[in-house]
């Protein structure tokens, strides 16, 4: 819009998840990170935050990348941190169903991370950087919490809040799943796409 395109002709259609993996119960009780192990994905912020959380909740890290050695070292020096390496998509979804919440500490603006939609599909609340796409996709206090990007102490504080408020965490689980059902199923996405096509055809016919 700032570049001159007419706002009424711009539509954002979200990603979706299909098939529906189904909601989990969170009985594993872990925090979960899924992503490439790089600085811009907030991995160093993540592991540093776990130095502040102590033994409040264990953290499972899924992924690989340039900071793999740093993550491996963190598992040796920080209590409760476990690195699982690369896993298949189905394994990731299974772990999401078992986890208590997802941590998404990216320091990039991101586009539309499918990982966030997959988390909502499994009923997984998200602790995310208050930055770019994450700030709009994760509704603070409803489907997760925001923390200051690159701030391990603030991330640790948000993790502690969730652990200390199990009833609120359970409510967020329900609302994360409701968010998926309202916006990110294949059926909803089809409806959105057809509406976009309909608007485009209607506009073309008026010319």
N, C-alpha and C. Protein backbone atom coordinates (compact mmCIF):
# COMPACT_ATOMS: atom_id res chain seq x y z
N UNK A 1 0.85 -1.20 0.00
CA UNK A 1 0.00 0.00 0.00
C UNK A 1 0.88 1.25 0.00
N UNK A 2 1.92 1.23 0.81
CA UNK A 2 2.83 2.37 0.87
C UNK A 2 3.51 2.59 -0.48
N UNK A 3 3.67 1.50 -1.23
CA UNK A 3 4.32 1.59 -2.54
C UNK A 3 3.39 2.01 -3.66
N UNK A 4 2.08 2.16 -3.35
CA UNK A 4 1.16 2.65 -4.35
C UNK A 4 0.07 1.69 -4.79
N UNK A 5 0.11 0.43 -4.34
CA UNK A 5 -0.95 -0.51 -4.71
C UNK A 5 -2.23 -0.17 -3.95
N UNK A 6 -3.38 -0.28 -4.60
CA UNK A 6 -4.65 0.05 -3.93
C UNK A 6 -4.98 -0.97 -2.83
N UNK A 7 -5.24 -0.47 -1.63
CA UNK A 7 -5.48 -1.34 -0.47
C UNK A 7 -6.65 -2.28 -0.70
N UNK A 8 -7.68 -1.82 -1.42
CA UNK A 8 -8.88 -2.66 -1.62
C UNK A 8 -8.62 -3.85 -2.53
N UNK A 9 -7.47 -3.87 -3.19
CA UNK A 9 -7.16 -4.99 -4.08
C UNK A 9 -6.12 -5.94 -3.49
N UNK A 10 -5.80 -5.74 -2.22
CA UNK A 10 -4.82 -6.59 -1.55
C UNK A 10 -5.53 -7.45 -0.51
N UNK A 11 -5.29 -8.75 -0.57
CA UNK A 11 -5.89 -9.69 0.38
C UNK A 11 -4.80 -10.62 0.90
N UNK A 12 -4.80 -10.89 2.19
CA UNK A 12 -3.87 -11.85 2.77
C UNK A 12 -4.63 -13.15 3.04
N UNK A 13 -4.24 -14.20 2.35
CA UNK A 13 -4.83 -15.52 2.61
C UNK A 13 -3.82 -16.35 3.40
N UNK A 14 -4.20 -16.81 4.58
CA UNK A 14 -3.23 -17.52 5.43
C UNK A 14 -2.89 -18.91 4.92
N UNK A 15 -1.82 -19.47 5.49
CA UNK A 15 -1.53 -20.88 5.28
C UNK A 15 -2.56 -21.72 6.02
N UNK A 16 -2.60 -23.00 5.72
CA UNK A 16 -3.52 -23.89 6.42
C UNK A 16 -2.84 -25.24 6.64
N UNK A 17 -3.44 -26.08 7.46
CA UNK A 17 -2.90 -27.40 7.76
C UNK A 17 -3.91 -28.46 7.36
N UNK A 18 -3.44 -29.43 6.56
CA UNK A 18 -4.29 -30.54 6.13
C UNK A 18 -3.40 -31.76 5.91
N UNK A 19 -3.80 -32.93 6.40
CA UNK A 19 -5.01 -33.17 7.19
C UNK A 19 -4.87 -32.63 8.61
N UNK A 20 -5.99 -32.49 9.25
CA UNK A 20 -6.03 -32.01 10.62
C UNK A 20 -5.33 -33.03 11.52
N UNK A 21 -4.25 -32.65 12.22
CA UNK A 21 -3.54 -33.60 13.07
C UNK A 21 -4.30 -33.97 14.34
N UNK A 22 -5.26 -33.15 14.70
CA UNK A 22 -6.03 -33.41 15.92
C UNK A 22 -5.41 -32.75 17.13
N UNK A 23 -6.25 -32.38 18.06
CA UNK A 23 -5.80 -31.69 19.26
C UNK A 23 -5.15 -32.68 20.22
N UNK A 24 -4.10 -32.23 20.91
CA UNK A 24 -3.43 -33.06 21.90
C UNK A 24 -3.91 -32.75 23.30
N UNK A 25 -3.30 -33.44 24.28
CA UNK A 25 -3.70 -33.21 25.67
C UNK A 25 -2.61 -32.53 26.49
N UNK A 26 -1.43 -32.35 25.91
CA UNK A 26 -0.36 -31.66 26.61
C UNK A 26 0.20 -32.38 27.81
N UNK A 27 -0.05 -33.70 27.90
CA UNK A 27 0.36 -34.43 29.10
C UNK A 27 1.87 -34.55 29.26
N UNK A 28 2.61 -34.35 28.16
CA UNK A 28 4.06 -34.40 28.27
C UNK A 28 4.61 -33.27 29.12
N UNK A 29 3.91 -32.13 29.08
CA UNK A 29 4.25 -31.01 29.94
C UNK A 29 5.51 -30.24 29.58
N UNK A 30 6.08 -30.50 28.39
CA UNK A 30 7.33 -29.84 28.00
C UNK A 30 7.06 -28.56 27.22
N UNK A 31 8.05 -27.68 27.20
CA UNK A 31 8.10 -26.61 26.22
C UNK A 31 8.77 -27.17 24.97
N UNK A 32 8.40 -26.65 23.81
CA UNK A 32 8.90 -27.20 22.55
C UNK A 32 9.36 -26.09 21.62
N UNK A 33 10.51 -26.30 21.00
CA UNK A 33 10.99 -25.42 19.92
C UNK A 33 11.14 -26.26 18.67
N UNK A 34 10.64 -25.74 17.54
CA UNK A 34 10.78 -26.42 16.25
C UNK A 34 11.31 -25.40 15.25
N UNK A 35 12.47 -25.66 14.68
CA UNK A 35 12.99 -24.72 13.69
C UNK A 35 14.46 -24.91 13.42
N UNK A 36 14.97 -24.13 12.50
CA UNK A 36 16.39 -24.17 12.15
C UNK A 36 17.21 -23.54 13.27
N UNK A 37 18.31 -24.16 13.59
CA UNK A 37 19.15 -23.70 14.69
C UNK A 37 20.10 -22.61 14.20
N UNK A 38 19.59 -21.39 14.15
CA UNK A 38 20.36 -20.23 13.71
C UNK A 38 20.13 -19.07 14.66
N UNK A 39 21.03 -18.11 14.62
CA UNK A 39 20.92 -16.94 15.50
C UNK A 39 19.62 -16.18 15.24
N UNK A 40 19.28 -15.99 13.95
CA UNK A 40 18.09 -15.18 13.63
C UNK A 40 16.79 -15.86 14.04
N UNK A 41 16.82 -17.16 14.26
CA UNK A 41 15.64 -17.86 14.75
C UNK A 41 15.51 -17.77 16.27
N UNK A 42 16.46 -17.07 16.91
CA UNK A 42 16.35 -16.84 18.34
C UNK A 42 16.82 -17.99 19.20
N UNK A 43 17.63 -18.89 18.63
CA UNK A 43 18.06 -20.09 19.37
C UNK A 43 18.92 -19.72 20.58
N UNK A 44 19.81 -18.76 20.43
CA UNK A 44 20.67 -18.37 21.55
C UNK A 44 19.84 -17.72 22.66
N UNK A 45 18.86 -16.92 22.27
CA UNK A 45 17.94 -16.34 23.26
C UNK A 45 17.19 -17.44 24.00
N UNK A 46 16.78 -18.46 23.25
CA UNK A 46 16.03 -19.58 23.81
C UNK A 46 16.82 -20.31 24.88
N UNK A 47 18.03 -20.75 24.54
CA UNK A 47 18.80 -21.53 25.51
C UNK A 47 19.23 -20.68 26.70
N UNK A 48 19.50 -19.40 26.46
CA UNK A 48 19.87 -18.51 27.57
C UNK A 48 18.68 -18.33 28.51
N UNK A 49 17.47 -18.26 27.96
CA UNK A 49 16.27 -18.13 28.80
C UNK A 49 16.14 -19.31 29.75
N UNK A 50 16.55 -20.49 29.28
CA UNK A 50 16.40 -21.68 30.13
C UNK A 50 17.40 -21.69 31.28
N UNK A 51 18.42 -20.85 31.23
CA UNK A 51 19.29 -20.69 32.39
C UNK A 51 18.53 -19.98 33.52
N UNK A 52 17.53 -19.17 33.14
CA UNK A 52 16.76 -18.40 34.12
C UNK A 52 15.54 -19.17 34.62
N UNK A 53 15.05 -20.11 33.81
CA UNK A 53 13.84 -20.83 34.22
C UNK A 53 14.15 -21.92 35.24
N UNK A 54 15.42 -22.33 35.33
CA UNK A 54 15.78 -23.37 36.27
C UNK A 54 15.10 -24.69 35.91
N UNK A 55 14.48 -25.31 36.88
CA UNK A 55 13.85 -26.61 36.65
C UNK A 55 12.34 -26.50 36.52
N UNK A 56 11.85 -25.32 36.13
CA UNK A 56 10.40 -25.11 36.05
C UNK A 56 9.75 -26.03 35.03
N UNK A 57 10.34 -26.13 33.84
CA UNK A 57 9.77 -26.94 32.77
C UNK A 57 10.89 -27.34 31.82
N UNK A 58 10.85 -28.57 31.35
CA UNK A 58 11.87 -29.03 30.42
C UNK A 58 11.61 -28.49 29.02
N UNK A 59 12.67 -28.39 28.24
CA UNK A 59 12.60 -27.85 26.89
C UNK A 59 13.11 -28.88 25.90
N UNK A 60 12.29 -29.20 24.90
CA UNK A 60 12.72 -30.08 23.81
C UNK A 60 12.95 -29.23 22.56
N UNK A 61 14.12 -29.37 21.97
CA UNK A 61 14.50 -28.61 20.79
C UNK A 61 14.57 -29.55 19.60
N UNK A 62 13.78 -29.22 18.56
CA UNK A 62 13.77 -30.01 17.33
C UNK A 62 14.35 -29.16 16.21
N UNK A 63 15.32 -29.69 15.49
CA UNK A 63 15.88 -28.97 14.37
C UNK A 63 17.39 -29.16 14.28
N UNK A 64 17.97 -28.60 13.24
CA UNK A 64 19.41 -28.68 13.01
C UNK A 64 19.85 -27.39 12.34
N UNK A 65 21.15 -27.15 12.32
CA UNK A 65 21.65 -25.95 11.69
C UNK A 65 22.99 -25.52 12.24
N UNK A 66 23.45 -24.33 11.88
CA UNK A 66 24.77 -23.85 12.25
C UNK A 66 25.04 -23.79 13.76
N UNK A 67 23.99 -23.62 14.57
CA UNK A 67 24.18 -23.52 16.01
C UNK A 67 23.96 -24.84 16.73
N UNK A 68 24.02 -25.93 15.99
CA UNK A 68 23.81 -27.26 16.58
C UNK A 68 24.80 -27.53 17.72
N UNK A 69 26.06 -27.11 17.53
CA UNK A 69 27.07 -27.34 18.56
C UNK A 69 26.73 -26.56 19.83
N UNK A 70 26.21 -25.34 19.68
CA UNK A 70 25.82 -24.53 20.83
C UNK A 70 24.66 -25.17 21.58
N UNK A 71 23.72 -25.71 20.82
CA UNK A 71 22.57 -26.37 21.44
C UNK A 71 23.01 -27.64 22.17
N UNK A 72 23.89 -28.40 21.53
CA UNK A 72 24.40 -29.61 22.16
C UNK A 72 25.12 -29.30 23.46
N UNK A 73 25.90 -28.23 23.46
CA UNK A 73 26.60 -27.80 24.68
C UNK A 73 25.62 -27.38 25.76
N UNK A 74 24.54 -26.72 25.34
CA UNK A 74 23.52 -26.27 26.29
C UNK A 74 22.87 -27.45 27.00
N UNK A 75 22.69 -28.56 26.30
CA UNK A 75 22.08 -29.74 26.93
C UNK A 75 22.95 -30.29 28.06
N UNK A 76 24.24 -30.00 27.98
CA UNK A 76 25.17 -30.49 29.01
C UNK A 76 25.25 -29.56 30.21
N UNK A 77 24.98 -28.27 29.98
CA UNK A 77 25.19 -27.28 31.05
C UNK A 77 23.90 -26.69 31.61
N UNK A 78 22.78 -26.88 30.91
CA UNK A 78 21.52 -26.29 31.37
C UNK A 78 20.53 -27.40 31.67
N UNK A 79 20.05 -27.42 32.88
CA UNK A 79 19.13 -28.48 33.31
C UNK A 79 17.83 -28.42 32.51
N UNK A 80 17.37 -29.56 32.04
CA UNK A 80 16.06 -29.66 31.41
C UNK A 80 16.03 -29.41 29.92
N UNK A 81 17.19 -29.14 29.29
CA UNK A 81 17.23 -28.89 27.84
C UNK A 81 17.60 -30.18 27.12
N UNK A 82 16.79 -30.57 26.15
CA UNK A 82 17.01 -31.80 25.37
C UNK A 82 16.96 -31.47 23.88
N UNK A 83 17.97 -31.90 23.16
CA UNK A 83 18.02 -31.67 21.71
C UNK A 83 17.67 -32.97 20.99
N UNK A 84 16.62 -32.93 20.18
CA UNK A 84 16.14 -34.12 19.49
C UNK A 84 16.59 -34.20 18.03
N UNK A 85 17.29 -33.17 17.54
CA UNK A 85 17.74 -33.18 16.16
C UNK A 85 16.57 -33.04 15.19
N UNK A 86 16.80 -33.50 13.98
CA UNK A 86 15.72 -33.45 12.98
C UNK A 86 14.72 -34.56 13.22
N UNK A 87 13.46 -34.24 13.01
CA UNK A 87 12.39 -35.22 13.14
C UNK A 87 11.44 -35.08 11.96
N UNK A 88 10.72 -36.15 11.66
CA UNK A 88 9.74 -36.11 10.57
C UNK A 88 8.58 -35.20 10.97
N UNK A 89 7.82 -34.79 9.97
CA UNK A 89 6.68 -33.91 10.26
C UNK A 89 5.70 -34.59 11.21
N UNK A 90 5.45 -35.89 11.03
CA UNK A 90 4.52 -36.59 11.90
C UNK A 90 5.05 -36.65 13.33
N UNK A 91 6.35 -36.86 13.47
CA UNK A 91 6.93 -36.87 14.81
C UNK A 91 6.80 -35.50 15.47
N UNK A 92 6.99 -34.45 14.69
CA UNK A 92 6.85 -33.10 15.22
C UNK A 92 5.41 -32.87 15.70
N UNK A 93 4.44 -33.26 14.88
CA UNK A 93 3.04 -33.09 15.27
C UNK A 93 2.71 -33.88 16.53
N UNK A 94 3.26 -35.10 16.64
CA UNK A 94 3.02 -35.90 17.84
C UNK A 94 3.59 -35.21 19.08
N UNK A 95 4.78 -34.64 18.94
CA UNK A 95 5.40 -33.94 20.06
C UNK A 95 4.63 -32.66 20.41
N UNK A 96 4.07 -32.01 19.38
CA UNK A 96 3.24 -30.84 19.64
C UNK A 96 2.00 -31.22 20.45
N UNK A 97 1.42 -32.36 20.14
CA UNK A 97 0.22 -32.80 20.86
C UNK A 97 0.53 -33.07 22.33
N UNK A 98 1.77 -33.48 22.60
CA UNK A 98 2.15 -33.82 23.97
C UNK A 98 2.68 -32.63 24.76
N UNK A 99 3.15 -31.59 24.07
CA UNK A 99 3.81 -30.46 24.73
C UNK A 99 2.82 -29.57 25.47
N UNK A 100 3.36 -28.77 26.38
CA UNK A 100 2.53 -27.80 27.11
C UNK A 100 2.37 -26.51 26.32
N UNK A 101 3.46 -26.08 25.67
CA UNK A 101 3.41 -24.88 24.83
C UNK A 101 4.61 -24.86 23.89
N UNK A 102 4.48 -24.08 22.83
CA UNK A 102 5.54 -23.91 21.85
C UNK A 102 6.25 -22.59 22.12
N UNK A 103 7.56 -22.57 21.95
CA UNK A 103 8.32 -21.32 22.03
C UNK A 103 8.80 -20.97 20.63
N UNK A 104 8.48 -19.76 20.19
CA UNK A 104 8.84 -19.29 18.85
C UNK A 104 9.60 -17.98 19.01
N UNK A 105 10.93 -18.05 19.25
CA UNK A 105 11.69 -16.85 19.61
C UNK A 105 12.34 -16.12 18.44
N UNK A 106 11.83 -16.31 17.25
CA UNK A 106 12.47 -15.76 16.05
C UNK A 106 12.73 -14.26 16.17
N UNK A 107 13.88 -13.85 15.67
CA UNK A 107 14.24 -12.43 15.64
C UNK A 107 14.14 -11.88 14.22
N UNK A 108 13.49 -12.66 13.35
CA UNK A 108 13.14 -12.22 12.00
C UNK A 108 11.69 -11.76 12.00
N UNK A 109 11.30 -11.01 10.99
CA UNK A 109 9.89 -10.62 10.88
C UNK A 109 9.02 -11.79 10.42
N UNK A 110 9.64 -12.78 9.75
CA UNK A 110 8.95 -13.97 9.27
C UNK A 110 7.87 -13.60 8.25
N UNK A 111 7.34 -14.62 7.59
CA UNK A 111 6.24 -14.42 6.65
C UNK A 111 4.96 -14.92 7.29
N UNK A 112 4.68 -16.20 7.08
CA UNK A 112 3.53 -16.82 7.73
C UNK A 112 3.95 -18.23 8.13
N UNK A 113 4.63 -18.39 9.27
CA UNK A 113 5.19 -19.68 9.65
C UNK A 113 4.14 -20.77 9.81
N UNK A 114 4.28 -21.84 9.04
CA UNK A 114 3.34 -22.96 9.15
C UNK A 114 3.42 -23.60 10.53
N UNK A 115 4.59 -23.53 11.15
CA UNK A 115 4.76 -24.10 12.50
C UNK A 115 3.74 -23.52 13.47
N UNK A 116 3.43 -22.25 13.34
CA UNK A 116 2.44 -21.63 14.24
C UNK A 116 1.05 -22.21 14.01
N UNK A 117 0.72 -22.42 12.75
CA UNK A 117 -0.60 -22.97 12.43
C UNK A 117 -0.70 -24.42 12.90
N UNK A 118 0.38 -25.18 12.74
CA UNK A 118 0.41 -26.56 13.22
C UNK A 118 0.24 -26.60 14.74
N UNK A 119 0.87 -25.65 15.43
CA UNK A 119 0.71 -25.58 16.88
C UNK A 119 -0.75 -25.33 17.26
N UNK A 120 -1.38 -24.36 16.61
CA UNK A 120 -2.79 -24.10 16.88
C UNK A 120 -3.65 -25.34 16.61
N UNK A 121 -3.32 -26.06 15.54
CA UNK A 121 -4.10 -27.25 15.18
C UNK A 121 -4.07 -28.29 16.29
N UNK A 122 -2.95 -28.40 16.98
CA UNK A 122 -2.83 -29.39 18.05
C UNK A 122 -3.24 -28.82 19.41
N UNK A 123 -3.73 -27.58 19.40
CA UNK A 123 -4.16 -26.96 20.65
C UNK A 123 -2.99 -26.48 21.49
N UNK A 124 -1.92 -26.04 20.83
CA UNK A 124 -0.69 -25.68 21.54
C UNK A 124 -0.53 -24.16 21.61
N UNK A 125 -0.58 -23.57 22.80
CA UNK A 125 -0.33 -22.13 22.93
C UNK A 125 1.12 -21.81 22.55
N UNK A 126 1.38 -20.56 22.19
CA UNK A 126 2.69 -20.17 21.68
C UNK A 126 3.23 -18.98 22.46
N UNK A 127 4.47 -19.11 22.92
CA UNK A 127 5.20 -17.97 23.49
C UNK A 127 6.09 -17.46 22.36
N UNK A 128 5.78 -16.29 21.83
CA UNK A 128 6.41 -15.81 20.61
C UNK A 128 6.99 -14.41 20.76
N UNK A 129 8.01 -14.14 19.96
CA UNK A 129 8.57 -12.79 19.89
C UNK A 129 7.47 -11.82 19.45
N UNK A 130 7.43 -10.67 20.09
CA UNK A 130 6.46 -9.64 19.72
C UNK A 130 7.03 -8.86 18.54
N UNK A 131 7.01 -9.51 17.39
CA UNK A 131 7.69 -8.98 16.21
C UNK A 131 7.00 -9.51 14.96
N UNK A 132 6.83 -8.66 13.96
CA UNK A 132 6.36 -9.10 12.66
C UNK A 132 5.12 -9.96 12.71
N UNK A 133 5.15 -11.06 11.95
CA UNK A 133 3.99 -11.95 11.83
C UNK A 133 3.57 -12.52 13.18
N UNK A 134 4.55 -12.81 14.04
CA UNK A 134 4.23 -13.43 15.32
C UNK A 134 3.34 -12.54 16.18
N UNK A 135 3.55 -11.23 16.09
CA UNK A 135 2.78 -10.31 16.93
C UNK A 135 1.32 -10.25 16.52
N UNK A 136 1.02 -10.56 15.26
CA UNK A 136 -0.37 -10.52 14.80
C UNK A 136 -1.02 -11.90 14.81
N UNK A 137 -0.24 -12.97 14.60
CA UNK A 137 -0.81 -14.31 14.57
C UNK A 137 -1.08 -14.86 15.96
N UNK A 138 -0.22 -14.51 16.92
CA UNK A 138 -0.41 -14.95 18.30
C UNK A 138 -1.09 -13.83 19.07
N UNK A 139 -2.27 -14.11 19.58
CA UNK A 139 -3.05 -13.12 20.32
C UNK A 139 -2.64 -13.19 21.79
N UNK A 140 -1.91 -12.18 22.25
CA UNK A 140 -1.36 -12.18 23.60
C UNK A 140 -2.46 -12.33 24.65
N UNK A 141 -2.30 -13.34 25.49
CA UNK A 141 -3.27 -13.59 26.55
C UNK A 141 -4.40 -14.49 26.15
N UNK A 142 -4.53 -14.77 24.85
CA UNK A 142 -5.61 -15.65 24.38
C UNK A 142 -5.06 -16.94 23.77
N UNK A 143 -4.20 -16.83 22.77
CA UNK A 143 -3.63 -18.04 22.15
C UNK A 143 -2.15 -18.20 22.49
N UNK A 144 -1.66 -17.37 23.37
CA UNK A 144 -0.26 -17.46 23.77
C UNK A 144 0.19 -16.17 24.43
N UNK A 145 1.49 -15.97 24.49
CA UNK A 145 2.06 -14.77 25.09
C UNK A 145 3.15 -14.21 24.19
N UNK A 146 3.35 -12.89 24.26
CA UNK A 146 4.45 -12.24 23.56
C UNK A 146 5.57 -11.94 24.54
N UNK A 147 6.81 -11.94 24.04
CA UNK A 147 7.93 -11.45 24.84
C UNK A 147 8.79 -10.56 23.95
N UNK A 148 9.65 -9.76 24.57
CA UNK A 148 10.49 -8.84 23.83
C UNK A 148 11.53 -9.63 23.02
N UNK A 149 11.62 -9.41 21.71
CA UNK A 149 12.56 -10.17 20.88
C UNK A 149 13.99 -10.04 21.39
N UNK A 150 14.68 -11.17 21.45
CA UNK A 150 16.08 -11.17 21.85
C UNK A 150 16.33 -10.98 23.33
N UNK A 151 15.27 -11.04 24.15
CA UNK A 151 15.39 -10.79 25.59
C UNK A 151 15.15 -12.09 26.37
N UNK A 152 16.21 -12.81 26.74
CA UNK A 152 16.02 -14.10 27.41
C UNK A 152 15.34 -13.99 28.77
N UNK A 153 15.56 -12.89 29.48
CA UNK A 153 14.92 -12.74 30.79
C UNK A 153 13.42 -12.56 30.64
N UNK A 154 13.01 -11.82 29.63
CA UNK A 154 11.57 -11.64 29.43
C UNK A 154 10.93 -12.94 28.97
N UNK A 155 11.63 -13.68 28.12
CA UNK A 155 11.13 -14.99 27.70
C UNK A 155 10.98 -15.90 28.91
N UNK A 156 12.00 -15.93 29.76
CA UNK A 156 11.94 -16.76 30.96
C UNK A 156 10.77 -16.35 31.86
N UNK A 157 10.52 -15.04 31.94
CA UNK A 157 9.41 -14.56 32.77
C UNK A 157 8.06 -15.03 32.23
N UNK A 158 7.91 -15.03 30.90
CA UNK A 158 6.65 -15.48 30.30
C UNK A 158 6.47 -16.99 30.50
N UNK A 159 7.56 -17.73 30.39
CA UNK A 159 7.49 -19.18 30.62
C UNK A 159 7.07 -19.44 32.07
N UNK A 160 7.68 -18.72 33.00
CA UNK A 160 7.34 -18.89 34.41
C UNK A 160 5.87 -18.56 34.65
N UNK A 161 5.36 -17.52 34.01
CA UNK A 161 3.97 -17.15 34.19
C UNK A 161 3.04 -18.28 33.75
N UNK A 162 3.35 -18.89 32.61
CA UNK A 162 2.52 -19.99 32.14
C UNK A 162 2.55 -21.18 33.09
N UNK A 163 3.74 -21.50 33.58
CA UNK A 163 3.87 -22.62 34.51
C UNK A 163 3.11 -22.34 35.80
N UNK A 164 3.11 -21.09 36.23
CA UNK A 164 2.45 -20.71 37.48
C UNK A 164 0.94 -20.55 37.34
N UNK A 165 0.43 -20.57 36.09
CA UNK A 165 -1.00 -20.36 35.86
C UNK A 165 -1.57 -21.50 34.99
N UNK A 166 -1.65 -22.70 35.54
CA UNK A 166 -2.12 -23.85 34.74
C UNK A 166 -3.53 -23.68 34.19
N UNK A 167 -4.40 -23.00 34.92
CA UNK A 167 -5.77 -22.81 34.44
C UNK A 167 -5.77 -21.91 33.21
N UNK A 168 -4.94 -20.86 33.23
CA UNK A 168 -4.83 -19.98 32.07
C UNK A 168 -4.22 -20.70 30.89
N UNK A 169 -3.25 -21.55 31.16
CA UNK A 169 -2.61 -22.33 30.09
C UNK A 169 -3.64 -23.27 29.46
N UNK A 170 -4.47 -23.90 30.27
CA UNK A 170 -5.51 -24.79 29.74
C UNK A 170 -6.51 -24.02 28.88
N UNK A 171 -6.85 -22.81 29.33
CA UNK A 171 -7.76 -21.97 28.53
C UNK A 171 -7.12 -21.61 27.19
N UNK A 172 -5.84 -21.27 27.21
CA UNK A 172 -5.15 -20.94 25.96
C UNK A 172 -5.09 -22.14 25.03
N UNK A 173 -4.97 -23.33 25.57
CA UNK A 173 -4.98 -24.54 24.73
C UNK A 173 -6.29 -24.62 23.94
N UNK A 174 -7.40 -24.41 24.64
CA UNK A 174 -8.71 -24.46 23.98
C UNK A 174 -8.83 -23.37 22.92
N UNK A 175 -8.35 -22.18 23.26
CA UNK A 175 -8.51 -21.06 22.33
C UNK A 175 -7.55 -21.15 21.15
N UNK A 176 -6.40 -21.79 21.35
CA UNK A 176 -5.50 -22.03 20.22
C UNK A 176 -6.17 -22.95 19.20
N UNK A 177 -6.81 -23.99 19.69
CA UNK A 177 -7.52 -24.91 18.80
C UNK A 177 -8.70 -24.21 18.12
N UNK A 178 -9.42 -23.37 18.87
CA UNK A 178 -10.53 -22.61 18.28
C UNK A 178 -10.02 -21.68 17.17
N UNK A 179 -8.84 -21.11 17.37
CA UNK A 179 -8.25 -20.25 16.35
C UNK A 179 -7.99 -21.03 15.07
N UNK A 180 -7.49 -22.25 15.22
CA UNK A 180 -7.27 -23.11 14.05
C UNK A 180 -8.58 -23.41 13.34
N UNK A 181 -9.58 -23.81 14.09
CA UNK A 181 -10.85 -24.19 13.49
C UNK A 181 -11.53 -23.00 12.79
N UNK A 182 -11.30 -21.80 13.30
CA UNK A 182 -11.94 -20.61 12.73
C UNK A 182 -11.22 -20.11 11.48
N UNK A 183 -9.91 -20.35 11.37
CA UNK A 183 -9.15 -19.69 10.31
C UNK A 183 -8.26 -20.58 9.46
N UNK A 184 -7.82 -21.72 9.98
CA UNK A 184 -6.69 -22.39 9.34
C UNK A 184 -6.95 -23.83 8.89
N UNK A 185 -8.21 -24.24 8.81
CA UNK A 185 -8.51 -25.57 8.26
C UNK A 185 -8.51 -25.48 6.73
N UNK A 186 -8.44 -26.63 6.08
CA UNK A 186 -8.50 -26.66 4.61
C UNK A 186 -9.83 -26.10 4.12
N UNK A 187 -10.91 -26.42 4.83
CA UNK A 187 -12.23 -25.95 4.43
C UNK A 187 -12.33 -24.42 4.51
N UNK A 188 -11.86 -23.86 5.61
CA UNK A 188 -11.88 -22.41 5.76
C UNK A 188 -11.02 -21.74 4.70
N UNK A 189 -9.87 -22.36 4.40
CA UNK A 189 -8.97 -21.78 3.42
C UNK A 189 -9.59 -21.80 2.03
N UNK A 190 -10.32 -22.88 1.72
CA UNK A 190 -11.02 -22.97 0.44
C UNK A 190 -12.07 -21.86 0.32
N UNK A 191 -12.81 -21.66 1.41
CA UNK A 191 -13.82 -20.59 1.40
C UNK A 191 -13.18 -19.23 1.15
N UNK A 192 -12.04 -18.98 1.83
CA UNK A 192 -11.34 -17.71 1.64
C UNK A 192 -10.87 -17.55 0.19
N UNK A 193 -10.32 -18.62 -0.37
CA UNK A 193 -9.81 -18.55 -1.74
C UNK A 193 -10.93 -18.28 -2.73
N UNK A 194 -12.06 -18.97 -2.57
CA UNK A 194 -13.18 -18.77 -3.47
C UNK A 194 -13.76 -17.36 -3.35
N UNK A 195 -13.75 -16.82 -2.13
CA UNK A 195 -14.22 -15.45 -1.94
C UNK A 195 -13.30 -14.47 -2.67
N UNK A 196 -11.99 -14.72 -2.59
CA UNK A 196 -11.03 -13.86 -3.28
C UNK A 196 -11.25 -13.92 -4.79
N UNK A 197 -11.41 -15.13 -5.32
CA UNK A 197 -11.69 -15.28 -6.75
C UNK A 197 -12.98 -14.56 -7.14
N UNK A 198 -14.00 -14.71 -6.28
CA UNK A 198 -15.29 -14.07 -6.56
C UNK A 198 -15.17 -12.56 -6.62
N UNK A 199 -14.41 -12.00 -5.70
CA UNK A 199 -14.22 -10.55 -5.69
C UNK A 199 -13.46 -10.10 -6.93
N UNK A 200 -12.45 -10.90 -7.32
CA UNK A 200 -11.65 -10.55 -8.50
C UNK A 200 -12.50 -10.59 -9.78
N UNK A 201 -13.35 -11.62 -9.87
CA UNK A 201 -14.22 -11.75 -11.05
C UNK A 201 -15.22 -10.61 -11.11
N UNK A 202 -15.80 -10.29 -9.94
CA UNK A 202 -16.79 -9.21 -9.87
C UNK A 202 -16.15 -7.88 -10.27
N UNK A 203 -14.93 -7.65 -9.80
CA UNK A 203 -14.24 -6.39 -10.15
C UNK A 203 -13.93 -6.33 -11.64
N UNK A 204 -13.55 -7.48 -12.22
CA UNK A 204 -13.24 -7.52 -13.65
C UNK A 204 -14.48 -7.27 -14.50
N UNK A 205 -15.62 -7.81 -14.02
CA UNK A 205 -16.86 -7.64 -14.78
C UNK A 205 -17.38 -6.21 -14.76
N UNK A 206 -16.98 -5.48 -13.74
CA UNK A 206 -17.44 -4.08 -13.65
C UNK A 206 -16.68 -3.18 -14.63
N UNK A 207 -15.56 -3.65 -15.13
CA UNK A 207 -14.74 -2.81 -16.03
C UNK A 207 -15.34 -2.76 -17.43
